[in-house]
Amino acid sequence: MEGYDYLLDESCILFPSLLLTQAPHRKPQNIPLNGAGREKVVLSIGQFRPEKDHYLQLEAFALAVNKCESLCNAKLSIIGGERGNGRDLLRLKDLRQYAKVLGIAEKVEFVVNCEFEELYRRLSSASVGIHTMRDEHFGIAVVEMMAAGLITVAHRSGGPLTDIISERETGFLADSAEEVKTRLLLFTSIVFSAFSLTTIQLVSISTPPLSLLC
């Protein structure tokens, strides 16, 4: 482009900004990647907006819990922002009611507008991440979960597909309700069953390449 050549010389790549290193306990080397200190928790991060499809997360988790004995004491932790417009609170109330309908209310917690310290404490202790928004522009929450060592499943579209996840290497993708449910069942049953394994065995299934899970 004539007249704009200088832009090529002055341009650079900006990688996603993560806050994992702002405090000593958040440094990557201090986040357990081998099962030590991890809990049987599936973690979701995203505002309580309809496009995030938290209903699908509840359905997938209910299926996994009902199908796999090793998940009987697992929990789904949904962390989200509420924008104070009333609609988010109504959606949150409806989600809690839906969890009751699915019979998993006691296994699901909704964490609303938590502080960053609390967010990263939960990131460092959970085992599996789930993100179900279709056509997410990028998906910084997906990057945060992966950076914290969570085995992550995201929708096969948008940023997670084109920019973030390499299928079966750095995470997993799904593009239908049934596929999300099936894959979540696969991840949680394998990972949570591994809590009884030795540290060496845990390292072999909780660090890349994740193709070992398939």
C-alpha atoms as a PDB file:
ATOM      1  CA  MET A   1       0.000   0.000   0.000  1.00  0.00           C
ATOM      2  CA  GLU A   2       1.759   3.105  -1.271  1.00  0.00           C
ATOM      3  CA  GLY A   3       2.202   5.694   1.423  1.00  0.00           C
ATOM      4  CA  TYR A   4       1.570   3.235   4.273  1.00  0.00           C
ATOM      5  CA  ASP A   5       4.814   1.245   4.173  1.00  0.00           C
ATOM      6  CA  TYR A   6       5.873   2.775   7.486  1.00  0.00           C
ATOM      7  CA  LEU A   7       3.060   0.893   9.206  1.00  0.00           C
ATOM      8  CA  LEU A   8       4.737  -2.406   8.395  1.00  0.00           C
ATOM      9  CA  ASP A   9       7.924  -1.315  10.127  1.00  0.00           C
ATOM     10  CA  GLU A  10       6.139  -0.018  13.209  1.00  0.00           C
ATOM     11  CA  SER A  11       3.578  -2.782  13.652  1.00  0.00           C
ATOM     12  CA  CYS A  12       3.935  -5.558  16.204  1.00  0.00           C
ATOM     13  CA  ILE A  13       1.983  -8.497  17.584  1.00  0.00           C
ATOM     14  CA  LEU A  14       0.101  -7.946  20.833  1.00  0.00           C
ATOM     15  CA  PHE A  15      -0.640 -11.148  22.692  1.00  0.00           C
ATOM     16  CA  PRO A  16      -3.604 -11.446  25.094  1.00  0.00           C
ATOM     17  CA  SER A  17      -3.006  -9.814  28.442  1.00  0.00           C
ATOM     18  CA  LEU A  18      -3.275 -12.227  31.360  1.00  0.00           C
ATOM     19  CA  LEU A  19      -3.145 -11.326  35.043  1.00  0.00           C
ATOM     20  CA  LEU A  20      -1.646 -14.590  36.248  1.00  0.00           C
ATOM     21  CA  THR A  21       1.623 -12.936  37.280  1.00  0.00           C
ATOM     22  CA  GLN A  22       0.369  -9.901  39.189  1.00  0.00           C
ATOM     23  CA  ALA A  23       0.884 -11.531  42.566  1.00  0.00           C
ATOM     24  CA  PRO A  24       3.450 -14.164  43.649  1.00  0.00           C
ATOM     25  CA  HIS A  25       0.856 -16.910  44.116  1.00  0.00           C
ATOM     26  CA  ARG A  26      -0.434 -16.301  40.589  1.00  0.00           C
ATOM     27  CA  LYS A  27       2.858 -16.959  38.845  1.00  0.00           C
ATOM     28  CA  PRO A  28       2.552 -19.813  36.341  1.00  0.00           C
ATOM     29  CA  GLN A  29       5.127 -21.916  38.206  1.00  0.00           C
ATOM     30  CA  ASN A  30       2.939 -21.691  41.313  1.00  0.00           C
ATOM     31  CA  ILE A  31      -0.251 -22.853  39.586  1.00  0.00           C
ATOM     32  CA  PRO A  32      -0.547 -26.638  39.975  1.00  0.00           C
ATOM     33  CA  LEU A  33      -0.681 -28.387  36.616  1.00  0.00           C
ATOM     34  CA  ASN A  34      -0.329 -31.977  37.842  1.00  0.00           C
ATOM     35  CA  GLY A  35      -3.404 -32.456  39.986  1.00  0.00           C
ATOM     36  CA  ALA A  36      -1.800 -31.333  43.232  1.00  0.00           C
ATOM     37  CA  GLY A  37      -4.145 -28.883  44.923  1.00  0.00           C
ATOM     38  CA  ARG A  38      -6.796 -29.370  42.255  1.00  0.00           C
ATOM     39  CA  GLU A  39     -10.427 -29.987  43.098  1.00  0.00           C
ATOM     40  CA  LYS A  40     -13.213 -31.849  41.308  1.00  0.00           C
ATOM     41  CA  VAL A  41     -14.554 -28.615  39.863  1.00  0.00           C
ATOM     42  CA  VAL A  42     -15.691 -27.685  36.365  1.00  0.00           C
ATOM     43  CA  LEU A  43     -15.217 -23.929  35.972  1.00  0.00           C
ATOM     44  CA  SER A  44     -17.044 -21.454  33.742  1.00  0.00           C
ATOM     45  CA  ILE A  45     -16.201 -17.757  33.375  1.00  0.00           C
ATOM     46  CA  GLY A  46     -18.465 -15.258  31.603  1.00  0.00           C
ATOM     47  CA  GLN A  47     -21.061 -12.575  32.130  1.00  0.00           C
ATOM     48  CA  PHE A  48     -24.615 -13.710  32.781  1.00  0.00           C
ATOM     49  CA  ARG A  49     -25.784 -12.876  29.264  1.00  0.00           C
ATOM     50  CA  PRO A  50     -27.946 -15.116  27.046  1.00  0.00           C
ATOM     51  CA  GLU A  51     -25.248 -15.644  24.405  1.00  0.00           C
ATOM     52  CA  LYS A  52     -22.974 -17.327  26.982  1.00  0.00           C
ATOM     53  CA  ASP A  53     -25.452 -20.236  27.041  1.00  0.00           C
ATOM     54  CA  HIS A  54     -25.100 -21.194  30.703  1.00  0.00           C
ATOM     55  CA  TYR A  55     -28.150 -23.424  30.278  1.00  0.00           C
ATOM     56  CA  LEU A  56     -26.094 -25.729  28.069  1.00  0.00           C
ATOM     57  CA  GLN A  57     -23.397 -25.878  30.741  1.00  0.00           C
ATOM     58  CA  LEU A  58     -25.956 -26.968  33.324  1.00  0.00           C
ATOM     59  CA  GLU A  59     -27.351 -29.614  30.988  1.00  0.00           C
ATOM     60  CA  ALA A  60     -23.905 -30.963  30.107  1.00  0.00           C
ATOM     61  CA  PHE A  61     -22.868 -31.115  33.747  1.00  0.00           C
ATOM     62  CA  ALA A  62     -26.107 -32.847  34.756  1.00  0.00           C
ATOM     63  CA  LEU A  63     -25.523 -35.477  32.067  1.00  0.00           C
ATOM     64  CA  ALA A  64     -21.934 -36.033  33.179  1.00  0.00           C
ATOM     65  CA  VAL A  65     -22.861 -36.373  36.849  1.00  0.00           C
ATOM     66  CA  ASN A  66     -25.643 -38.836  36.094  1.00  0.00           C
ATOM     67  CA  LYS A  67     -23.519 -40.945  33.751  1.00  0.00           C
ATOM     68  CA  CYS A  68     -20.255 -41.226  35.674  1.00  0.00           C
ATOM     69  CA  GLU A  69     -19.837 -42.517  39.216  1.00  0.00           C
ATOM     70  CA  SER A  70     -16.516 -40.709  39.711  1.00  0.00           C
ATOM     71  CA  LEU A  71     -18.356 -37.385  39.358  1.00  0.00           C
ATOM     72  CA  CYS A  72     -20.775 -37.939  42.236  1.00  0.00           C
ATOM     73  CA  ASN A  73     -18.990 -35.327  44.355  1.00  0.00           C
ATOM     74  CA  ALA A  74     -17.980 -32.994  41.512  1.00  0.00           C
ATOM     75  CA  LYS A  75     -19.106 -29.374  41.341  1.00  0.00           C
ATOM     76  CA  LEU A  76     -19.822 -26.843  38.606  1.00  0.00           C
ATOM     77  CA  SER A  77     -18.670 -23.342  39.473  1.00  0.00           C
ATOM     78  CA  ILE A  78     -20.109 -20.614  37.233  1.00  0.00           C
ATOM     79  CA  ILE A  79     -18.327 -17.299  37.687  1.00  0.00           C
ATOM     80  CA  GLY A  80     -20.004 -14.345  36.039  1.00  0.00           C
ATOM     81  CA  GLY A  81     -20.521 -10.616  35.993  1.00  0.00           C
ATOM     82  CA  GLU A  82     -23.902  -9.047  36.638  1.00  0.00           C
ATOM     83  CA  ARG A  83     -24.257  -5.632  34.974  1.00  0.00           C
ATOM     84  CA  GLY A  84     -26.897  -4.222  37.319  1.00  0.00           C
ATOM     85  CA  ASN A  85     -29.580  -3.870  34.663  1.00  0.00           C
ATOM     86  CA  GLY A  86     -32.088  -6.268  36.202  1.00  0.00           C
ATOM     87  CA  ARG A  87     -32.100  -8.642  33.233  1.00  0.00           C
ATOM     88  CA  ASP A  88     -28.933 -10.352  34.400  1.00  0.00           C
ATOM     89  CA  LEU A  89     -30.402 -10.924  37.860  1.00  0.00           C
ATOM     90  CA  LEU A  90     -33.542 -12.432  36.349  1.00  0.00           C
ATOM     91  CA  ARG A  91     -31.413 -14.721  34.177  1.00  0.00           C
ATOM     92  CA  LEU A  92     -29.352 -15.717  37.204  1.00  0.00           C
ATOM     93  CA  LYS A  93     -32.520 -16.548  39.129  1.00  0.00           C
ATOM     94  CA  ASP A  94     -33.748 -18.635  36.197  1.00  0.00           C
ATOM     95  CA  LEU A  95     -30.426 -20.479  35.985  1.00  0.00           C
ATOM     96  CA  ARG A  96     -30.613 -21.379  39.668  1.00  0.00           C
ATOM     97  CA  GLN A  97     -34.136 -22.669  39.145  1.00  0.00           C
ATOM     98  CA  TYR A  98     -33.031 -24.698  36.111  1.00  0.00           C
ATOM     99  CA  ALA A  99     -30.284 -26.300  38.199  1.00  0.00           C
ATOM    100  CA  LYS A 100     -33.009 -27.422  40.613  1.00  0.00           C
ATOM    101  CA  VAL A 101     -35.074 -28.837  37.764  1.00  0.00           C
ATOM    102  CA  LEU A 102     -32.046 -30.816  36.573  1.00  0.00           C
ATOM    103  CA  GLY A 103     -31.469 -32.115  40.098  1.00  0.00           C
ATOM    104  CA  ILE A 104     -27.981 -30.622  40.448  1.00  0.00           C
ATOM    105  CA  ALA A 105     -28.651 -27.487  42.506  1.00  0.00           C
ATOM    106  CA  GLU A 106     -26.497 -28.702  45.387  1.00  0.00           C
ATOM    107  CA  LYS A 107     -23.609 -29.336  42.973  1.00  0.00           C
ATOM    108  CA  VAL A 108     -23.681 -25.932  41.262  1.00  0.00           C
ATOM    109  CA  GLU A 109     -22.521 -22.612  42.633  1.00  0.00           C
ATOM    110  CA  PHE A 110     -22.981 -19.211  41.024  1.00  0.00           C
ATOM    111  CA  VAL A 111     -20.250 -16.718  41.878  1.00  0.00           C
ATOM    112  CA  VAL A 112     -21.370 -13.187  41.007  1.00  0.00           C
ATOM    113  CA  ASN A 113     -19.044 -10.194  40.491  1.00  0.00           C
ATOM    114  CA  CYS A 114     -16.146 -11.725  42.399  1.00  0.00           C
ATOM    115  CA  GLU A 115     -12.812  -9.973  42.908  1.00  0.00           C
ATOM    116  CA  PHE A 116      -9.797 -10.911  40.804  1.00  0.00           C
ATOM    117  CA  GLU A 117      -8.118 -12.555  43.788  1.00  0.00           C
ATOM    118  CA  GLU A 118     -11.076 -14.886  44.157  1.00  0.00           C
ATOM    119  CA  LEU A 119     -11.217 -15.537  40.411  1.00  0.00           C
ATOM    120  CA  TYR A 120      -7.618 -16.664  40.191  1.00  0.00           C
ATOM    121  CA  ARG A 121      -7.821 -18.672  43.380  1.00  0.00           C
ATOM    122  CA  ARG A 122     -10.602 -20.647  41.727  1.00  0.00           C
ATOM    123  CA  LEU A 123      -8.682 -20.890  38.451  1.00  0.00           C
ATOM    124  CA  SER A 124      -5.734 -22.406  40.279  1.00  0.00           C
ATOM    125  CA  SER A 125      -7.845 -25.047  42.041  1.00  0.00           C
ATOM    126  CA  ALA A 126     -10.339 -26.175  39.361  1.00  0.00           C
ATOM    127  CA  SER A 127      -9.627 -29.044  36.950  1.00  0.00           C
ATOM    128  CA  VAL A 128     -11.820 -28.580  33.861  1.00  0.00           C
ATOM    129  CA  GLY A 129     -12.961 -25.417  32.057  1.00  0.00           C
ATOM    130  CA  ILE A 130     -16.050 -24.952  29.896  1.00  0.00           C
ATOM    131  CA  HIS A 131     -17.017 -22.077  27.583  1.00  0.00           C
ATOM    132  CA  THR A 132     -20.156 -22.450  25.457  1.00  0.00           C
ATOM    133  CA  MET A 133     -20.678 -19.117  23.685  1.00  0.00           C
ATOM    134  CA  ARG A 134     -21.173 -19.435  19.939  1.00  0.00           C
ATOM    135  CA  ASP A 135     -19.095 -17.084  17.728  1.00  0.00           C
ATOM    136  CA  GLU A 136     -17.129 -15.589  20.605  1.00  0.00           C
ATOM    137  CA  HIS A 137     -15.075 -12.700  19.173  1.00  0.00           C
ATOM    138  CA  PHE A 138     -11.916 -13.931  20.876  1.00  0.00           C
ATOM    139  CA  GLY A 139     -12.438 -15.566  24.251  1.00  0.00           C
ATOM    140  CA  ILE A 140      -9.987 -14.293  26.852  1.00  0.00           C
ATOM    141  CA  ALA A 141     -11.691 -16.478  29.481  1.00  0.00           C
ATOM    142  CA  VAL A 142     -10.698 -19.534  27.432  1.00  0.00           C
ATOM    143  CA  VAL A 143      -7.074 -18.357  27.411  1.00  0.00           C
ATOM    144  CA  GLU A 144      -7.158 -17.741  31.163  1.00  0.00           C
ATOM    145  CA  MET A 145      -8.465 -21.230  31.870  1.00  0.00           C
ATOM    146  CA  MET A 146      -5.868 -22.832  29.614  1.00  0.00           C
ATOM    147  CA  ALA A 147      -3.065 -20.732  31.115  1.00  0.00           C
ATOM    148  CA  ALA A 148      -4.128 -21.871  34.580  1.00  0.00           C
ATOM    149  CA  GLY A 149      -3.823 -25.514  33.529  1.00  0.00           C
ATOM    150  CA  LEU A 150      -7.497 -26.392  33.115  1.00  0.00           C
ATOM    151  CA  ILE A 151      -8.453 -28.935  30.467  1.00  0.00           C
ATOM    152  CA  THR A 152     -10.812 -26.743  28.459  1.00  0.00           C
ATOM    153  CA  VAL A 153     -13.723 -27.304  26.084  1.00  0.00           C
ATOM    154  CA  ALA A 154     -15.095 -24.394  24.059  1.00  0.00           C
ATOM    155  CA  HIS A 155     -17.539 -23.882  21.217  1.00  0.00           C
ATOM    156  CA  ARG A 156     -16.187 -24.749  17.781  1.00  0.00           C
ATOM    157  CA  SER A 157     -16.561 -21.234  16.376  1.00  0.00           C
ATOM    158  CA  GLY A 158     -15.142 -17.722  16.627  1.00  0.00           C
ATOM    159  CA  GLY A 159     -11.916 -17.045  18.483  1.00  0.00           C
ATOM    160  CA  PRO A 160     -11.583 -20.414  20.238  1.00  0.00           C
ATOM    161  CA  LEU A 161     -11.642 -22.126  16.835  1.00  0.00           C
ATOM    162  CA  THR A 162      -9.493 -19.757  14.779  1.00  0.00           C
ATOM    163  CA  ASP A 163      -7.074 -18.303  17.330  1.00  0.00           C
ATOM    164  CA  ILE A 164      -6.903 -20.232  20.589  1.00  0.00           C
ATOM    165  CA  ILE A 165      -7.469 -23.979  20.676  1.00  0.00           C
ATOM    166  CA  SER A 166      -5.659 -26.583  18.621  1.00  0.00           C
ATOM    167  CA  GLU A 167      -8.029 -29.546  18.757  1.00  0.00           C
ATOM    168  CA  ARG A 168      -6.778 -32.390  20.997  1.00  0.00           C
ATOM    169  CA  GLU A 169      -3.479 -30.568  21.611  1.00  0.00           C
ATOM    170  CA  THR A 170      -4.315 -27.503  23.702  1.00  0.00           C
ATOM    171  CA  GLY A 171      -8.013 -28.112  24.309  1.00  0.00           C
ATOM    172  CA  PHE A 172     -11.236 -29.422  22.839  1.00  0.00           C
ATOM    173  CA  LEU A 173     -13.993 -27.964  20.661  1.00  0.00           C
ATOM    174  CA  ALA A 174     -17.661 -28.825  20.247  1.00  0.00           C
ATOM    175  CA  ASP A 175     -20.381 -27.375  18.020  1.00  0.00           C
ATOM    176  CA  SER A 176     -23.575 -29.038  19.214  1.00  0.00           C
ATOM    177  CA  ALA A 177     -25.316 -29.526  22.523  1.00  0.00           C
ATOM    178  CA  GLU A 178     -24.824 -33.283  22.413  1.00  0.00           C
ATOM    179  CA  GLU A 179     -21.138 -32.969  21.550  1.00  0.00           C
ATOM    180  CA  VAL A 180     -20.533 -30.554  24.419  1.00  0.00           C
ATOM    181  CA  LYS A 181     -22.230 -32.963  26.807  1.00  0.00           C
ATOM    182  CA  THR A 182     -20.315 -35.961  25.477  1.00  0.00           C
ATOM    183  CA  ARG A 183     -16.961 -34.244  25.622  1.00  0.00           C
ATOM    184  CA  LEU A 184     -17.534 -32.816  29.068  1.00  0.00           C
ATOM    185  CA  LEU A 185     -18.372 -36.317  30.238  1.00  0.00           C
ATOM    186  CA  LEU A 186     -15.135 -37.603  28.670  1.00  0.00           C
ATOM    187  CA  PHE A 187     -12.916 -34.933  30.231  1.00  0.00           C
ATOM    188  CA  THR A 188     -14.370 -35.026  33.713  1.00  0.00           C
ATOM    189  CA  SER A 189     -14.571 -38.795  33.966  1.00  0.00           C
ATOM    190  CA  ILE A 190     -10.910 -39.194  32.955  1.00  0.00           C
ATOM    191  CA  VAL A 191      -9.506 -36.251  34.887  1.00  0.00           C
ATOM    192  CA  PHE A 192     -11.501 -36.783  38.064  1.00  0.00           C
ATOM    193  CA  SER A 193     -10.790 -40.505  38.089  1.00  0.00           C
ATOM    194  CA  ALA A 194      -7.106 -39.560  37.999  1.00  0.00           C
ATOM    195  CA  PHE A 195      -7.281 -38.073  41.482  1.00  0.00           C
ATOM    196  CA  SER A 196      -6.470 -41.544  42.804  1.00  0.00           C
ATOM    197  CA  LEU A 197      -3.352 -41.842  40.638  1.00  0.00           C
ATOM    198  CA  THR A 198       0.213 -40.983  41.569  1.00  0.00           C
ATOM    199  CA  THR A 199       1.672 -37.568  40.778  1.00  0.00           C
ATOM    200  CA  ILE A 200       3.690 -38.997  37.890  1.00  0.00           C
ATOM    201  CA  GLN A 201       0.576 -40.557  36.375  1.00  0.00           C
ATOM    202  CA  LEU A 202      -1.357 -37.313  36.829  1.00  0.00           C
ATOM    203  CA  VAL A 203       1.299 -35.304  35.009  1.00  0.00           C
ATOM    204  CA  SER A 204       0.991 -37.612  32.017  1.00  0.00           C
ATOM    205  CA  ILE A 205      -2.713 -36.829  31.516  1.00  0.00           C
ATOM    206  CA  SER A 206      -3.028 -33.219  32.693  1.00  0.00           C
ATOM    207  CA  THR A 207      -0.275 -31.577  30.661  1.00  0.00           C
ATOM    208  CA  PRO A 208      -0.112 -31.185  26.834  1.00  0.00           C
ATOM    209  CA  PRO A 209      -0.398 -32.997  24.535  1.00  0.00           C
ATOM    210  CA  LEU A 210      -4.004 -33.580  25.511  1.00  0.00           C
ATOM    211  CA  SER A 211      -4.347 -36.192  22.794  1.00  0.00           C
ATOM    212  CA  LEU A 212      -3.592 -38.662  25.580  1.00  0.00           C
ATOM    213  CA  LEU A 213      -7.197 -38.162  26.696  1.00  0.00           C
ATOM    214  CA  CYS A 214      -8.723 -39.265  23.394  1.00  0.00           C
END
